[in-house]
Amino acid sequence: MKVAQAERDRRTEISRKYPELHGAETTARRSCLAAQQRAAAEQSRAHQPAAYQPPSQSRRGPSMGGPR
Protein backbone atom coordinates (compact mmCIF):
# COMPACT_ATOMS: atom_id res chain seq x y z
CA MET A 1 0.00 0.00 0.00
CA LYS A 2 2.77 2.43 0.89
CA VAL A 3 4.55 1.70 -2.37
CA ALA A 4 1.43 2.49 -4.42
CA GLN A 5 0.89 5.75 -2.53
CA ALA A 6 4.55 6.70 -3.02
CA GLU A 7 4.21 5.99 -6.76
CA ARG A 8 1.09 8.18 -7.00
CA ASP A 9 2.83 10.97 -5.09
CA ARG A 10 5.87 10.72 -7.36
CA ARG A 11 3.74 10.88 -10.48
CA THR A 12 1.86 13.89 -9.13
CA GLU A 13 5.14 15.68 -8.39
CA ILE A 14 6.50 14.89 -11.86
CA SER A 15 3.29 16.11 -13.49
CA ARG A 16 3.64 19.46 -11.72
CA LYS A 17 7.33 19.90 -12.48
CA TYR A 18 7.34 18.48 -16.02
CA PRO A 19 3.85 18.71 -17.56
CA GLU A 20 5.07 17.91 -21.11
CA LEU A 21 6.91 14.79 -19.95
CA HIS A 22 3.90 13.71 -17.92
CA GLY A 23 1.60 14.21 -20.92
CA ALA A 24 3.86 12.18 -23.19
CA GLU A 25 4.12 9.36 -20.65
CA THR A 26 0.36 9.33 -20.11
CA THR A 27 -0.30 9.19 -23.86
CA ALA A 28 2.22 6.38 -24.31
CA ARG A 29 0.72 4.40 -21.42
CA ARG A 30 -2.80 4.73 -22.85
CA SER A 31 -1.59 3.66 -26.29
CA CYS A 32 0.18 0.62 -24.85
CA LEU A 33 -2.88 -0.36 -22.81
CA ALA A 34 -5.15 -0.04 -25.85
CA ALA A 35 -2.81 -2.25 -27.90
CA GLN A 36 -2.76 -4.88 -25.15
CA GLN A 37 -6.56 -4.85 -24.96
CA ARG A 38 -6.87 -5.23 -28.75
CA ALA A 39 -4.43 -8.15 -28.73
CA ALA A 40 -6.32 -9.83 -25.89
CA ALA A 41 -9.63 -9.38 -27.72
CA GLU A 42 -8.21 -10.86 -30.94
CA GLN A 43 -6.77 -13.81 -29.05
CA SER A 44 -10.10 -14.37 -27.32
CA ARG A 45 -11.93 -14.37 -30.67
CA ALA A 46 -9.42 -16.83 -32.12
CA HIS A 47 -10.23 -19.38 -29.40
CA GLN A 48 -14.00 -19.29 -29.89
CA PRO A 49 -15.47 -22.24 -31.77
CA ALA A 50 -16.85 -21.62 -35.23
CA ALA A 51 -20.57 -21.05 -35.56
CA TYR A 52 -22.63 -24.20 -36.29
CA GLN A 53 -23.16 -24.86 -39.99
CA PRO A 54 -25.86 -27.45 -40.73
CA PRO A 55 -25.09 -29.93 -43.53
CA SER A 56 -26.07 -28.76 -46.98
CA GLN A 57 -29.30 -30.13 -48.44
CA SER A 58 -27.65 -31.16 -51.73
CA ARG A 59 -25.97 -34.22 -50.18
CA ARG A 60 -27.87 -37.45 -50.20
CA GLY A 61 -28.05 -39.86 -47.34
CA PRO A 62 -26.65 -43.40 -47.34
CA SER A 63 -27.51 -45.67 -50.23
CA MET A 64 -30.37 -48.10 -49.69
CA GLY A 65 -28.57 -50.97 -51.47
CA GLY A 66 -29.31 -50.42 -55.13
CA PRO A 67 -27.48 -51.96 -58.11
CA ARG A 68 -23.70 -51.80 -58.11
PDB file of N, CA and C in Angstrom:
ATOM      1  N   MET A   1       0.816  -1.192   0.000  1.00  0.00           N
ATOM      2  CA  MET A   1       0.000   0.000   0.000  1.00  0.00           C
ATOM      3  C   MET A   1       0.859   1.254   0.000  1.00  0.00           C
ATOM      4  N   LYS A   2       1.904   1.261   0.820  1.00  0.00           N
ATOM      5  CA  LYS A   2       2.768   2.430   0.895  1.00  0.00           C
ATOM      6  C   LYS A   2       3.493   2.664  -0.419  1.00  0.00           C
ATOM      7  N   VAL A   3       3.845   1.577  -1.101  1.00  0.00           N
ATOM      8  CA  VAL A   3       4.549   1.696  -2.375  1.00  0.00           C
ATOM      9  C   VAL A   3       3.641   2.344  -3.415  1.00  0.00           C
ATOM     10  N   ALA A   4       2.384   1.920  -3.454  1.00  0.00           N
ATOM     11  CA  ALA A   4       1.433   2.486  -4.415  1.00  0.00           C
ATOM     12  C   ALA A   4       1.209   3.972  -4.139  1.00  0.00           C
ATOM     13  N   GLN A   5       1.085   4.334  -2.886  1.00  0.00           N
ATOM     14  CA  GLN A   5       0.895   5.748  -2.529  1.00  0.00           C
ATOM     15  C   GLN A   5       2.130   6.562  -2.911  1.00  0.00           C
ATOM     16  N   ALA A   6       3.313   6.012  -2.661  1.00  0.00           N
ATOM     17  CA  ALA A   6       4.551   6.703  -3.024  1.00  0.00           C
ATOM     18  C   ALA A   6       4.630   6.899  -4.536  1.00  0.00           C
ATOM     19  N   GLU A   7       4.209   5.885  -5.291  1.00  0.00           N
ATOM     20  CA  GLU A   7       4.209   5.992  -6.756  1.00  0.00           C
ATOM     21  C   GLU A   7       3.249   7.081  -7.219  1.00  0.00           C
ATOM     22  N   ARG A   8       2.061   7.128  -6.643  1.00  0.00           N
ATOM     23  CA  ARG A   8       1.093   8.179  -6.996  1.00  0.00           C
ATOM     24  C   ARG A   8       1.652   9.563  -6.659  1.00  0.00           C
ATOM     25  N   ASP A   9       2.256   9.689  -5.487  1.00  0.00           N
ATOM     26  CA  ASP A   9       2.831  10.973  -5.088  1.00  0.00           C
ATOM     27  C   ASP A   9       3.949  11.389  -6.043  1.00  0.00           C
ATOM     28  N   ARG A  10       4.778  10.426  -6.431  1.00  0.00           N
ATOM     29  CA  ARG A  10       5.873  10.719  -7.356  1.00  0.00           C
ATOM     30  C   ARG A  10       5.344  11.162  -8.709  1.00  0.00           C
ATOM     31  N   ARG A  11       4.325  10.485  -9.201  1.00  0.00           N
ATOM     32  CA  ARG A  11       3.735  10.875 -10.485  1.00  0.00           C
ATOM     33  C   ARG A  11       3.105  12.261 -10.405  1.00  0.00           C
ATOM     34  N   THR A  12       2.458  12.564  -9.301  1.00  0.00           N
ATOM     35  CA  THR A  12       1.856  13.887  -9.126  1.00  0.00           C
ATOM     36  C   THR A  12       2.939  14.962  -9.136  1.00  0.00           C
ATOM     37  N   GLU A  13       4.033  14.728  -8.431  1.00  0.00           N
ATOM     38  CA  GLU A  13       5.140  15.685  -8.386  1.00  0.00           C
ATOM     39  C   GLU A  13       5.749  15.882  -9.780  1.00  0.00           C
ATOM     40  N   ILE A  14       5.946  14.791 -10.503  1.00  0.00           N
ATOM     41  CA  ILE A  14       6.495  14.886 -11.863  1.00  0.00           C
ATOM     42  C   ILE A  14       5.543  15.660 -12.766  1.00  0.00           C
ATOM     43  N   SER A  15       4.243  15.415 -12.632  1.00  0.00           N
ATOM     44  CA  SER A  15       3.285  16.107 -13.493  1.00  0.00           C
ATOM     45  C   SER A  15       3.294  17.609 -13.244  1.00  0.00           C
ATOM     46  N   ARG A  16       3.559  18.021 -12.021  1.00  0.00           N
ATOM     47  CA  ARG A  16       3.640  19.460 -11.715  1.00  0.00           C
ATOM     48  C   ARG A  16       4.933  20.072 -12.244  1.00  0.00           C
ATOM     49  N   LYS A  17       6.036  19.353 -12.077  1.00  0.00           N
ATOM     50  CA  LYS A  17       7.333  19.897 -12.484  1.00  0.00           C
ATOM     51  C   LYS A  17       7.549  19.827 -13.997  1.00  0.00           C
ATOM     52  N   TYR A  18       7.084  18.720 -14.600  1.00  0.00           N
ATOM     53  CA  TYR A  18       7.341  18.483 -16.022  1.00  0.00           C
ATOM     54  C   TYR A  18       6.038  18.091 -16.727  1.00  0.00           C
ATOM     55  N   PRO A  19       5.160  19.057 -16.973  1.00  0.00           N
ATOM     56  CA  PRO A  19       3.855  18.711 -17.563  1.00  0.00           C
ATOM     57  C   PRO A  19       3.958  18.072 -18.955  1.00  0.00           C
ATOM     58  N   GLU A  20       4.938  18.489 -19.769  1.00  0.00           N
ATOM     59  CA  GLU A  20       5.072  17.905 -21.112  1.00  0.00           C
ATOM     60  C   GLU A  20       5.517  16.443 -21.020  1.00  0.00           C
ATOM     61  N   LEU A  21       6.453  16.160 -20.143  1.00  0.00           N
ATOM     62  CA  LEU A  21       6.914  14.787 -19.946  1.00  0.00           C
ATOM     63  C   LEU A  21       5.765  13.916 -19.428  1.00  0.00           C
ATOM     64  N   HIS A  22       5.034  14.449 -18.483  1.00  0.00           N
ATOM     65  CA  HIS A  22       3.903  13.705 -17.923  1.00  0.00           C
ATOM     66  C   HIS A  22       2.856  13.409 -19.000  1.00  0.00           C
ATOM     67  N   GLY A  23       2.568  14.405 -19.835  1.00  0.00           N
ATOM     68  CA  GLY A  23       1.601  14.211 -20.915  1.00  0.00           C
ATOM     69  C   GLY A  23       2.048  13.148 -21.900  1.00  0.00           C
ATOM     70  N   ALA A  24       3.340  13.185 -22.257  1.00  0.00           N
ATOM     71  CA  ALA A  24       3.861  12.179 -23.193  1.00  0.00           C
ATOM     72  C   ALA A  24       3.804  10.786 -22.582  1.00  0.00           C
ATOM     73  N   GLU A  25       4.156  10.680 -21.317  1.00  0.00           N
ATOM     74  CA  GLU A  25       4.121   9.365 -20.647  1.00  0.00           C
ATOM     75  C   GLU A  25       2.685   8.845 -20.555  1.00  0.00           C
ATOM     76  N   THR A  26       1.762   9.730 -20.225  1.00  0.00           N
ATOM     77  CA  THR A  26       0.356   9.327 -20.108  1.00  0.00           C
ATOM     78  C   THR A  26      -0.177   8.845 -21.453  1.00  0.00           C
ATOM     79  N   THR A  27       0.144   9.584 -22.514  1.00  0.00           N
ATOM     80  CA  THR A  27      -0.300   9.195 -23.856  1.00  0.00           C
ATOM     81  C   THR A  27       0.291   7.842 -24.255  1.00  0.00           C
ATOM     82  N   ALA A  28       1.568   7.651 -23.975  1.00  0.00           N
ATOM     83  CA  ALA A  28       2.219   6.375 -24.311  1.00  0.00           C
ATOM     84  C   ALA A  28       1.607   5.224 -23.517  1.00  0.00           C
ATOM     85  N   ARG A  29       1.310   5.458 -22.252  1.00  0.00           N
ATOM     86  CA  ARG A  29       0.724   4.399 -21.418  1.00  0.00           C
ATOM     87  C   ARG A  29      -0.659   4.025 -21.936  1.00  0.00           C
ATOM     88  N   ARG A  30      -1.455   5.014 -22.311  1.00  0.00           N
ATOM     89  CA  ARG A  30      -2.799   4.735 -22.852  1.00  0.00           C
ATOM     90  C   ARG A  30      -2.705   3.952 -24.159  1.00  0.00           C
ATOM     91  N   SER A  31      -1.766   4.346 -25.018  1.00  0.00           N
ATOM     92  CA  SER A  31      -1.590   3.665 -26.295  1.00  0.00           C
ATOM     93  C   SER A  31      -1.190   2.209 -26.081  1.00  0.00           C
ATOM     94  N   CYS A  32      -0.281   1.984 -25.155  1.00  0.00           N
ATOM     95  CA  CYS A  32       0.176   0.622 -24.852  1.00  0.00           C
ATOM     96  C   CYS A  32      -0.978  -0.221 -24.290  1.00  0.00           C
ATOM     97  N   LEU A  33      -1.744   0.350 -23.399  1.00  0.00           N
ATOM     98  CA  LEU A  33      -2.877  -0.359 -22.806  1.00  0.00           C
ATOM     99  C   LEU A  33      -3.914  -0.717 -23.872  1.00  0.00           C
ATOM    100  N   ALA A  34      -4.185   0.226 -24.780  1.00  0.00           N
ATOM    101  CA  ALA A  34      -5.153  -0.039 -25.850  1.00  0.00           C
ATOM    102  C   ALA A  34      -4.663  -1.170 -26.751  1.00  0.00           C
ATOM    103  N   ALA A  35      -3.370  -1.183 -27.067  1.00  0.00           N
ATOM    104  CA  ALA A  35      -2.811  -2.251 -27.903  1.00  0.00           C
ATOM    105  C   ALA A  35      -2.906  -3.597 -27.204  1.00  0.00           C
ATOM    106  N   GLN A  36      -2.645  -3.629 -25.911  1.00  0.00           N
ATOM    107  CA  GLN A  36      -2.757  -4.880 -25.155  1.00  0.00           C
ATOM    108  C   GLN A  36      -4.202  -5.378 -25.141  1.00  0.00           C
ATOM    109  N   GLN A  37      -5.151  -4.461 -24.985  1.00  0.00           N
ATOM    110  CA  GLN A  37      -6.557  -4.852 -24.964  1.00  0.00           C
ATOM    111  C   GLN A  37      -7.000  -5.373 -26.323  1.00  0.00           C
ATOM    112  N   ARG A  38      -6.530  -4.742 -27.404  1.00  0.00           N
ATOM    113  CA  ARG A  38      -6.868  -5.232 -28.749  1.00  0.00           C
ATOM    114  C   ARG A  38      -6.301  -6.630 -28.970  1.00  0.00           C
ATOM    115  N   ALA A  39      -5.059  -6.834 -28.563  1.00  0.00           N
ATOM    116  CA  ALA A  39      -4.431  -8.150 -28.731  1.00  0.00           C
ATOM    117  C   ALA A  39      -5.170  -9.212 -27.928  1.00  0.00           C
ATOM    118  N   ALA A  40      -5.580  -8.878 -26.722  1.00  0.00           N
ATOM    119  CA  ALA A  40      -6.318  -9.831 -25.890  1.00  0.00           C
ATOM    120  C   ALA A  40      -7.666 -10.159 -26.519  1.00  0.00           C
ATOM    121  N   ALA A  41      -8.331  -9.149 -27.084  1.00  0.00           N
ATOM    122  CA  ALA A  41      -9.633  -9.378 -27.722  1.00  0.00           C
ATOM    123  C   ALA A  41      -9.481 -10.269 -28.953  1.00  0.00           C
ATOM    124  N   GLU A  42      -8.444 -10.028 -29.757  1.00  0.00           N
ATOM    125  CA  GLU A  42      -8.208 -10.859 -30.942  1.00  0.00           C
ATOM    126  C   GLU A  42      -7.899 -12.295 -30.543  1.00  0.00           C
ATOM    127  N   GLN A  43      -7.107 -12.467 -29.509  1.00  0.00           N
ATOM    128  CA  GLN A  43      -6.767 -13.811 -29.049  1.00  0.00           C
ATOM    129  C   GLN A  43      -8.020 -14.516 -28.526  1.00  0.00           C
ATOM    130  N   SER A  44      -8.870 -13.792 -27.847  1.00  0.00           N
ATOM    131  CA  SER A  44     -10.098 -14.368 -27.321  1.00  0.00           C
ATOM    132  C   SER A  44     -11.003 -14.822 -28.465  1.00  0.00           C
ATOM    133  N   ARG A  45     -11.097 -14.006 -29.514  1.00  0.00           N
ATOM    134  CA  ARG A  45     -11.925 -14.371 -30.668  1.00  0.00           C
ATOM    135  C   ARG A  45     -11.357 -15.583 -31.376  1.00  0.00           C
ATOM    136  N   ALA A  46     -10.045 -15.711 -31.416  1.00  0.00           N
ATOM    137  CA  ALA A  46      -9.417 -16.835 -32.119  1.00  0.00           C
ATOM    138  C   ALA A  46      -9.702 -18.165 -31.429  1.00  0.00           C
ATOM    139  N   HIS A  47      -9.984 -18.148 -30.143  1.00  0.00           N
ATOM    140  CA  HIS A  47     -10.229 -19.380 -29.400  1.00  0.00           C
ATOM    141  C   HIS A  47     -11.707 -19.763 -29.343  1.00  0.00           C
ATOM    142  N   GLN A  48     -12.573 -18.957 -29.909  1.00  0.00           N
ATOM    143  CA  GLN A  48     -13.998 -19.285 -29.893  1.00  0.00           C
ATOM    144  C   GLN A  48     -14.286 -20.298 -30.999  1.00  0.00           C
ATOM    145  N   PRO A  49     -15.141 -21.265 -30.724  1.00  0.00           N
ATOM    146  CA  PRO A  49     -15.469 -22.242 -31.766  1.00  0.00           C
ATOM    147  C   PRO A  49     -16.255 -21.579 -32.897  1.00  0.00           C
ATOM    148  N   ALA A  50     -16.128 -22.147 -34.073  1.00  0.00           N
ATOM    149  CA  ALA A  50     -16.853 -21.616 -35.226  1.00  0.00           C
ATOM    150  C   ALA A  50     -18.351 -21.813 -35.032  1.00  0.00           C
ATOM    151  N   ALA A  51     -19.123 -20.953 -35.653  1.00  0.00           N
ATOM    152  CA  ALA A  51     -20.569 -21.054 -35.558  1.00  0.00           C
ATOM    153  C   ALA A  51     -21.038 -22.349 -36.232  1.00  0.00           C
ATOM    154  N   TYR A  52     -22.093 -22.938 -35.747  1.00  0.00           N
ATOM    155  CA  TYR A  52     -22.627 -24.196 -36.294  1.00  0.00           C
ATOM    156  C   TYR A  52     -23.118 -23.985 -37.719  1.00  0.00           C
ATOM    157  N   GLN A  53     -22.711 -24.871 -38.604  1.00  0.00           N
ATOM    158  CA  GLN A  53     -23.162 -24.858 -39.989  1.00  0.00           C
ATOM    159  C   GLN A  53     -23.858 -26.186 -40.261  1.00  0.00           C
ATOM    160  N   PRO A  54     -25.168 -26.187 -40.457  1.00  0.00           N
ATOM    161  CA  PRO A  54     -25.863 -27.452 -40.729  1.00  0.00           C
ATOM    162  C   PRO A  54     -25.402 -28.023 -42.071  1.00  0.00           C
ATOM    163  N   PRO A  55     -25.502 -29.332 -42.247  1.00  0.00           N
ATOM    164  CA  PRO A  55     -25.086 -29.932 -43.525  1.00  0.00           C
ATOM    165  C   PRO A  55     -25.935 -29.386 -44.663  1.00  0.00           C
ATOM    166  N   SER A  56     -25.326 -29.295 -45.832  1.00  0.00           N
ATOM    167  CA  SER A  56     -26.067 -28.762 -46.979  1.00  0.00           C
ATOM    168  C   SER A  56     -27.136 -29.766 -47.407  1.00  0.00           C
ATOM    169  N   GLN A  57     -28.177 -29.284 -48.022  1.00  0.00           N
ATOM    170  CA  GLN A  57     -29.297 -30.128 -48.441  1.00  0.00           C
ATOM    171  C   GLN A  57     -29.005 -30.861 -49.746  1.00  0.00           C
ATOM    172  N   SER A  58     -27.946 -30.521 -50.444  1.00  0.00           N
ATOM    173  CA  SER A  58     -27.651 -31.163 -51.727  1.00  0.00           C
ATOM    174  C   SER A  58     -27.037 -32.557 -51.556  1.00  0.00           C
ATOM    175  N   ARG A  59     -26.543 -32.884 -50.409  1.00  0.00           N
ATOM    176  CA  ARG A  59     -25.973 -34.215 -50.181  1.00  0.00           C
ATOM    177  C   ARG A  59     -27.085 -35.220 -49.916  1.00  0.00           C
ATOM    178  N   ARG A  60     -26.880 -36.395 -50.426  1.00  0.00           N
ATOM    179  CA  ARG A  60     -27.866 -37.449 -50.200  1.00  0.00           C
ATOM    180  C   ARG A  60     -27.407 -38.307 -49.037  1.00  0.00           C
ATOM    181  N   GLY A  61     -28.341 -38.960 -48.439  1.00  0.00           N
ATOM    182  CA  GLY A  61     -28.053 -39.863 -47.336  1.00  0.00           C
ATOM    183  C   GLY A  61     -27.415 -41.149 -47.845  1.00  0.00           C
ATOM    184  N   PRO A  62     -27.271 -42.116 -46.949  1.00  0.00           N
ATOM    185  CA  PRO A  62     -26.650 -43.397 -47.341  1.00  0.00           C
ATOM    186  C   PRO A  62     -27.509 -44.132 -48.373  1.00  0.00           C
ATOM    187  N   SER A  63     -26.839 -44.903 -49.193  1.00  0.00           N
ATOM    188  CA  SER A  63     -27.509 -45.667 -50.234  1.00  0.00           C
ATOM    189  C   SER A  63     -28.363 -46.758 -49.605  1.00  0.00           C
ATOM    190  N   MET A  64     -29.465 -47.075 -50.221  1.00  0.00           N
ATOM    191  CA  MET A  64     -30.369 -48.103 -49.690  1.00  0.00           C
ATOM    192  C   MET A  64     -30.086 -49.459 -50.338  1.00  0.00           C
ATOM    193  N   GLY A  65     -28.943 -49.663 -50.910  1.00  0.00           N
ATOM    194  CA  GLY A  65     -28.567 -50.969 -51.466  1.00  0.00           C
ATOM    195  C   GLY A  65     -29.057 -51.191 -52.873  1.00  0.00           C
ATOM    196  N   GLY A  66     -28.906 -50.279 -53.740  1.00  0.00           N
ATOM    197  CA  GLY A  66     -29.311 -50.420 -55.129  1.00  0.00           C
ATOM    198  C   GLY A  66     -28.285 -51.197 -55.941  1.00  0.00           C
ATOM    199  N   PRO A  67     -28.412 -51.211 -57.254  1.00  0.00           N
ATOM    200  CA  PRO A  67     -27.481 -51.957 -58.111  1.00  0.00           C
ATOM    201  C   PRO A  67     -26.081 -51.370 -58.043  1.00  0.00           C
ATOM    202  N   ARG A  68     -25.096 -52.252 -58.198  1.00  0.00           N
ATOM    203  CA  ARG A  68     -23.701 -51.800 -58.112  1.00  0.00           C
ATOM    204  C   ARG A  68     -23.071 -51.742 -59.438  1.00  0.00           C
TER     205      ARG A  68
END
